[in-house]
């Protein structure tokens, strides 16, 4: 199948959550807060291409990107890398407009272990004291943040001026900022 298009036909049914408090919500990837349904539909097509949703569990994000785009994809293991090295890589990748995903293997500050996030961009903000902070803008495909560490939506580190520098807003829309460290 390498290099060839592979049509996948899907219906309009998506797996739904049946838990009492979440009944009626899409189970896996959710539509955006603005109502865009492309992510759950793309996920369903990819699941069908892989036989079923269960076969998506535990895969590598780079493998999915390669399968969906047929473009080269790779992995960068950041364990053992300095924050400066990670920042240099992310800054370069952002400048080149690469598709970047990330994950963590331990639950930390509300991030889910083994869950994929999209890196939307990077930015440096300068606070009133002249200190520069290197921030990574990420998105949770589930459509809700969960992240609660430094520079999260509710973090006290934000000032209106800093939010304006990067266009940050407080909204449980799945988009959040975190320090490169």
C-alpha atoms as a PDB file:
ATOM      1  CA  UNK A   1       0.000   0.000   0.000  1.00  0.00           C
ATOM      2  CA  UNK A   2       3.031   2.275   0.184  1.00  0.00           C
ATOM      3  CA  UNK A   3       2.487   5.316  -2.001  1.00  0.00           C
ATOM      4  CA  UNK A   4      -0.987   4.275  -3.108  1.00  0.00           C
ATOM      5  CA  UNK A   5      -4.288   5.765  -2.099  1.00  0.00           C
ATOM      6  CA  UNK A   6      -6.435   3.419  -0.071  1.00  0.00           C
ATOM      7  CA  UNK A   7     -10.104   4.441   0.023  1.00  0.00           C
ATOM      8  CA  UNK A   8     -11.923   3.824   3.289  1.00  0.00           C
ATOM      9  CA  UNK A   9     -15.704   4.057   3.391  1.00  0.00           C
ATOM     10  CA  UNK A  10     -17.292   4.763   6.746  1.00  0.00           C
ATOM     11  CA  UNK A  11     -20.795   5.375   8.009  1.00  0.00           C
ATOM     12  CA  UNK A  12     -21.885   8.272  10.201  1.00  0.00           C
ATOM     13  CA  UNK A  13     -21.997   6.300  13.463  1.00  0.00           C
ATOM     14  CA  UNK A  14     -19.404   6.984  16.149  1.00  0.00           C
ATOM     15  CA  UNK A  15     -18.775   5.150  19.434  1.00  0.00           C
ATOM     16  CA  UNK A  16     -20.567   6.936  22.248  1.00  0.00           C
ATOM     17  CA  UNK A  17     -19.960   6.975  25.983  1.00  0.00           C
ATOM     18  CA  UNK A  18     -22.681   5.272  28.021  1.00  0.00           C
ATOM     19  CA  UNK A  19     -21.531   6.358  31.498  1.00  0.00           C
ATOM     20  CA  UNK A  20     -24.403   8.231  33.230  1.00  0.00           C
ATOM     21  CA  UNK A  21     -22.500  11.542  33.566  1.00  0.00           C
ATOM     22  CA  UNK A  22     -21.055  11.349  30.042  1.00  0.00           C
ATOM     23  CA  UNK A  23     -23.914   9.650  28.199  1.00  0.00           C
ATOM     24  CA  UNK A  24     -24.266  10.876  24.656  1.00  0.00           C
ATOM     25  CA  UNK A  25     -20.673  12.144  24.266  1.00  0.00           C
ATOM     26  CA  UNK A  26     -18.360  10.769  21.618  1.00  0.00           C
ATOM     27  CA  UNK A  27     -16.147   8.204  23.317  1.00  0.00           C
ATOM     28  CA  UNK A  28     -12.707   8.902  21.844  1.00  0.00           C
ATOM     29  CA  UNK A  29     -11.695  11.976  19.820  1.00  0.00           C
ATOM     30  CA  UNK A  30     -14.329  14.662  20.116  1.00  0.00           C
ATOM     31  CA  UNK A  31     -15.481  17.455  17.827  1.00  0.00           C
ATOM     32  CA  UNK A  32     -13.844  20.818  18.372  1.00  0.00           C
ATOM     33  CA  UNK A  33     -15.562  23.434  20.550  1.00  0.00           C
ATOM     34  CA  UNK A  34     -16.463  25.213  17.296  1.00  0.00           C
ATOM     35  CA  UNK A  35     -18.294  22.077  16.113  1.00  0.00           C
ATOM     36  CA  UNK A  36     -15.772  20.655  13.626  1.00  0.00           C
ATOM     37  CA  UNK A  37     -16.229  16.879  13.339  1.00  0.00           C
ATOM     38  CA  UNK A  38     -13.234  16.072  11.129  1.00  0.00           C
ATOM     39  CA  UNK A  39     -11.100  14.559  13.926  1.00  0.00           C
ATOM     40  CA  UNK A  40     -13.618  11.907  15.109  1.00  0.00           C
ATOM     41  CA  UNK A  41     -14.398  11.069  11.468  1.00  0.00           C
ATOM     42  CA  UNK A  42     -10.715  10.790  10.543  1.00  0.00           C
ATOM     43  CA  UNK A  43     -10.127   8.648  13.629  1.00  0.00           C
ATOM     44  CA  UNK A  44     -12.973   6.339  12.589  1.00  0.00           C
ATOM     45  CA  UNK A  45     -11.553   5.972   9.078  1.00  0.00           C
ATOM     46  CA  UNK A  46      -8.106   5.213  10.491  1.00  0.00           C
ATOM     47  CA  UNK A  47      -9.607   2.681  12.900  1.00  0.00           C
ATOM     48  CA  UNK A  48     -11.378   0.969  10.018  1.00  0.00           C
ATOM     49  CA  UNK A  49      -8.156   0.960   7.990  1.00  0.00           C
ATOM     50  CA  UNK A  50      -6.594  -0.822  10.991  1.00  0.00           C
ATOM     51  CA  UNK A  51      -9.609  -3.206  11.271  1.00  0.00           C
ATOM     52  CA  UNK A  52     -11.066  -1.649  14.474  1.00  0.00           C
ATOM     53  CA  UNK A  53     -10.556   0.918  17.240  1.00  0.00           C
ATOM     54  CA  UNK A  54      -8.850  -1.620  19.514  1.00  0.00           C
ATOM     55  CA  UNK A  55      -5.950  -1.845  17.059  1.00  0.00           C
ATOM     56  CA  UNK A  56      -5.249   1.884  17.501  1.00  0.00           C
ATOM     57  CA  UNK A  57      -4.389   1.440  21.162  1.00  0.00           C
ATOM     58  CA  UNK A  58      -0.699   1.616  21.986  1.00  0.00           C
ATOM     59  CA  UNK A  59       0.504   2.693  18.535  1.00  0.00           C
ATOM     60  CA  UNK A  60       3.076   5.317  17.735  1.00  0.00           C
ATOM     61  CA  UNK A  61       1.938   8.746  16.603  1.00  0.00           C
ATOM     62  CA  UNK A  62       4.672   8.849  13.946  1.00  0.00           C
ATOM     63  CA  UNK A  63       3.313   5.617  12.466  1.00  0.00           C
ATOM     64  CA  UNK A  64      -0.181   7.078  12.231  1.00  0.00           C
ATOM     65  CA  UNK A  65       1.124  10.281  10.618  1.00  0.00           C
ATOM     66  CA  UNK A  66       3.071   8.267   8.072  1.00  0.00           C
ATOM     67  CA  UNK A  67       0.083   6.022   7.340  1.00  0.00           C
ATOM     68  CA  UNK A  68      -2.257   8.972   6.860  1.00  0.00           C
ATOM     69  CA  UNK A  69       0.046  11.177   4.799  1.00  0.00           C
ATOM     70  CA  UNK A  70       2.666   8.811   3.314  1.00  0.00           C
ATOM     71  CA  UNK A  71       5.210  11.452   4.287  1.00  0.00           C
ATOM     72  CA  UNK A  72       8.380  10.672   6.214  1.00  0.00           C
ATOM     73  CA  UNK A  73       7.797  10.660   9.962  1.00  0.00           C
ATOM     74  CA  UNK A  74      10.094  10.026  12.869  1.00  0.00           C
ATOM     75  CA  UNK A  75      10.401  10.071  16.618  1.00  0.00           C
ATOM     76  CA  UNK A  76      12.530  12.144  18.938  1.00  0.00           C
ATOM     77  CA  UNK A  77      12.955  10.769  22.437  1.00  0.00           C
ATOM     78  CA  UNK A  78      13.335  13.709  24.793  1.00  0.00           C
ATOM     79  CA  UNK A  79      14.296  11.670  27.859  1.00  0.00           C
ATOM     80  CA  UNK A  80      17.827  12.750  28.687  1.00  0.00           C
ATOM     81  CA  UNK A  81      17.660  15.845  26.455  1.00  0.00           C
ATOM     82  CA  UNK A  82      18.177  19.253  28.005  1.00  0.00           C
ATOM     83  CA  UNK A  83      15.397  21.829  27.896  1.00  0.00           C
ATOM     84  CA  UNK A  84      17.621  23.870  25.550  1.00  0.00           C
ATOM     85  CA  UNK A  85      17.946  20.942  23.124  1.00  0.00           C
ATOM     86  CA  UNK A  86      14.200  20.282  23.222  1.00  0.00           C
ATOM     87  CA  UNK A  87      13.508  23.984  22.654  1.00  0.00           C
ATOM     88  CA  UNK A  88      15.930  24.108  19.710  1.00  0.00           C
ATOM     89  CA  UNK A  89      14.229  21.109  18.104  1.00  0.00           C
ATOM     90  CA  UNK A  90      10.677  22.395  18.704  1.00  0.00           C
ATOM     91  CA  UNK A  91      11.542  25.907  17.501  1.00  0.00           C
ATOM     92  CA  UNK A  92      13.050  24.512  14.299  1.00  0.00           C
ATOM     93  CA  UNK A  93      10.133  22.137  13.725  1.00  0.00           C
ATOM     94  CA  UNK A  94       7.620  24.938  14.346  1.00  0.00           C
ATOM     95  CA  UNK A  95       9.459  27.253  11.929  1.00  0.00           C
ATOM     96  CA  UNK A  96       9.453  24.502   9.287  1.00  0.00           C
ATOM     97  CA  UNK A  97       5.726  23.900   9.956  1.00  0.00           C
ATOM     98  CA  UNK A  98       6.230  20.210  10.747  1.00  0.00           C
ATOM     99  CA  UNK A  99       3.351  18.264  12.244  1.00  0.00           C
ATOM    100  CA  UNK A 100       4.425  17.624  15.834  1.00  0.00           C
ATOM    101  CA  UNK A 101       2.832  15.339  18.375  1.00  0.00           C
ATOM    102  CA  UNK A 102       3.863  14.541  21.911  1.00  0.00           C
ATOM    103  CA  UNK A 103       3.003  12.227  24.761  1.00  0.00           C
ATOM    104  CA  UNK A 104       4.095  11.494  28.297  1.00  0.00           C
ATOM    105  CA  UNK A 105       4.557   8.099  29.847  1.00  0.00           C
ATOM    106  CA  UNK A 106       3.713   9.124  33.415  1.00  0.00           C
ATOM    107  CA  UNK A 107       0.650  11.008  34.585  1.00  0.00           C
ATOM    108  CA  UNK A 108       1.842  14.455  35.601  1.00  0.00           C
ATOM    109  CA  UNK A 109       0.092  17.775  36.219  1.00  0.00           C
ATOM    110  CA  UNK A 110      -3.133  16.398  34.768  1.00  0.00           C
ATOM    111  CA  UNK A 111      -1.552  15.066  31.572  1.00  0.00           C
ATOM    112  CA  UNK A 112      -2.685  11.532  30.777  1.00  0.00           C
ATOM    113  CA  UNK A 113      -0.025   8.816  30.610  1.00  0.00           C
ATOM    114  CA  UNK A 114       0.252   7.230  27.164  1.00  0.00           C
ATOM    115  CA  UNK A 115      -2.055   9.805  25.574  1.00  0.00           C
ATOM    116  CA  UNK A 116      -1.180  11.735  22.400  1.00  0.00           C
ATOM    117  CA  UNK A 117      -1.254  15.521  22.232  1.00  0.00           C
ATOM    118  CA  UNK A 118      -0.635  17.834  19.295  1.00  0.00           C
ATOM    119  CA  UNK A 119       2.010  20.534  19.536  1.00  0.00           C
ATOM    120  CA  UNK A 120       0.476  23.591  17.891  1.00  0.00           C
ATOM    121  CA  UNK A 121       3.407  25.943  18.287  1.00  0.00           C
ATOM    122  CA  UNK A 122       6.011  27.515  20.516  1.00  0.00           C
ATOM    123  CA  UNK A 123       6.448  31.024  21.857  1.00  0.00           C
ATOM    124  CA  UNK A 124       8.627  33.013  24.195  1.00  0.00           C
ATOM    125  CA  UNK A 125       6.952  35.476  26.554  1.00  0.00           C
ATOM    126  CA  UNK A 126       8.713  38.120  28.591  1.00  0.00           C
ATOM    127  CA  UNK A 127       7.280  39.002  31.993  1.00  0.00           C
ATOM    128  CA  UNK A 128       7.332  42.410  33.711  1.00  0.00           C
ATOM    129  CA  UNK A 129      10.696  41.569  35.327  1.00  0.00           C
ATOM    130  CA  UNK A 130      12.284  40.912  31.936  1.00  0.00           C
ATOM    131  CA  UNK A 131      12.431  37.146  32.467  1.00  0.00           C
ATOM    132  CA  UNK A 132      11.786  35.108  29.338  1.00  0.00           C
ATOM    133  CA  UNK A 133       9.667  31.961  29.474  1.00  0.00           C
ATOM    134  CA  UNK A 134       9.733  29.361  26.675  1.00  0.00           C
ATOM    135  CA  UNK A 135       6.255  27.934  26.207  1.00  0.00           C
ATOM    136  CA  UNK A 136       4.822  25.101  24.156  1.00  0.00           C
ATOM    137  CA  UNK A 137       1.242  25.353  22.898  1.00  0.00           C
ATOM    138  CA  UNK A 138      -0.470  21.966  22.840  1.00  0.00           C
ATOM    139  CA  UNK A 139      -3.912  20.519  22.187  1.00  0.00           C
ATOM    140  CA  UNK A 140      -5.670  17.552  23.695  1.00  0.00           C
ATOM    141  CA  UNK A 141      -7.730  15.790  20.991  1.00  0.00           C
ATOM    142  CA  UNK A 142     -10.329  14.971  23.646  1.00  0.00           C
ATOM    143  CA  UNK A 143     -11.258  18.664  23.572  1.00  0.00           C
ATOM    144  CA  UNK A 144     -10.550  19.454  27.243  1.00  0.00           C
ATOM    145  CA  UNK A 145      -7.305  20.526  28.834  1.00  0.00           C
ATOM    146  CA  UNK A 146      -6.671  18.468  31.915  1.00  0.00           C
ATOM    147  CA  UNK A 147      -3.212  20.053  32.219  1.00  0.00           C
ATOM    148  CA  UNK A 148      -2.969  21.975  35.506  1.00  0.00           C
ATOM    149  CA  UNK A 149       0.729  22.848  35.872  1.00  0.00           C
ATOM    150  CA  UNK A 150       2.629  26.068  35.267  1.00  0.00           C
ATOM    151  CA  UNK A 151       1.193  28.139  32.404  1.00  0.00           C
ATOM    152  CA  UNK A 152      -2.052  26.143  32.270  1.00  0.00           C
ATOM    153  CA  UNK A 153      -5.228  28.165  31.691  1.00  0.00           C
ATOM    154  CA  UNK A 154      -5.720  28.731  35.420  1.00  0.00           C
ATOM    155  CA  UNK A 155      -2.056  29.343  36.261  1.00  0.00           C
ATOM    156  CA  UNK A 156      -1.254  32.440  38.294  1.00  0.00           C
ATOM    157  CA  UNK A 157       1.822  32.988  36.104  1.00  0.00           C
ATOM    158  CA  UNK A 158      -0.363  34.514  33.392  1.00  0.00           C
ATOM    159  CA  UNK A 159      -0.989  38.242  33.337  1.00  0.00           C
ATOM    160  CA  UNK A 160      -3.238  39.961  30.814  1.00  0.00           C
ATOM    161  CA  UNK A 161      -0.113  41.321  29.079  1.00  0.00           C
ATOM    162  CA  UNK A 162       1.476  37.867  28.827  1.00  0.00           C
ATOM    163  CA  UNK A 163      -1.741  36.342  27.510  1.00  0.00           C
ATOM    164  CA  UNK A 164      -1.884  39.074  24.885  1.00  0.00           C
ATOM    165  CA  UNK A 165       1.702  38.287  23.771  1.00  0.00           C
ATOM    166  CA  UNK A 166       0.657  34.796  22.637  1.00  0.00           C
ATOM    167  CA  UNK A 167      -3.114  35.107  22.230  1.00  0.00           C
ATOM    168  CA  UNK A 168      -3.836  32.835  25.190  1.00  0.00           C
ATOM    169  CA  UNK A 169      -7.376  32.633  26.487  1.00  0.00           C
ATOM    170  CA  UNK A 170      -9.085  30.825  29.326  1.00  0.00           C
ATOM    171  CA  UNK A 171     -11.368  28.260  27.706  1.00  0.00           C
ATOM    172  CA  UNK A 172     -11.754  24.539  28.270  1.00  0.00           C
ATOM    173  CA  UNK A 173     -11.184  23.935  24.557  1.00  0.00           C
ATOM    174  CA  UNK A 174      -8.344  21.427  24.714  1.00  0.00           C
ATOM    175  CA  UNK A 175      -5.664  24.043  23.945  1.00  0.00           C
ATOM    176  CA  UNK A 176      -3.119  24.799  26.653  1.00  0.00           C
ATOM    177  CA  UNK A 177       0.385  26.143  27.236  1.00  0.00           C
ATOM    178  CA  UNK A 178       3.154  24.498  29.233  1.00  0.00           C
ATOM    179  CA  UNK A 179       6.815  25.315  29.866  1.00  0.00           C
ATOM    180  CA  UNK A 180       9.361  23.522  27.684  1.00  0.00           C
ATOM    181  CA  UNK A 181      11.001  22.215  30.859  1.00  0.00           C
END
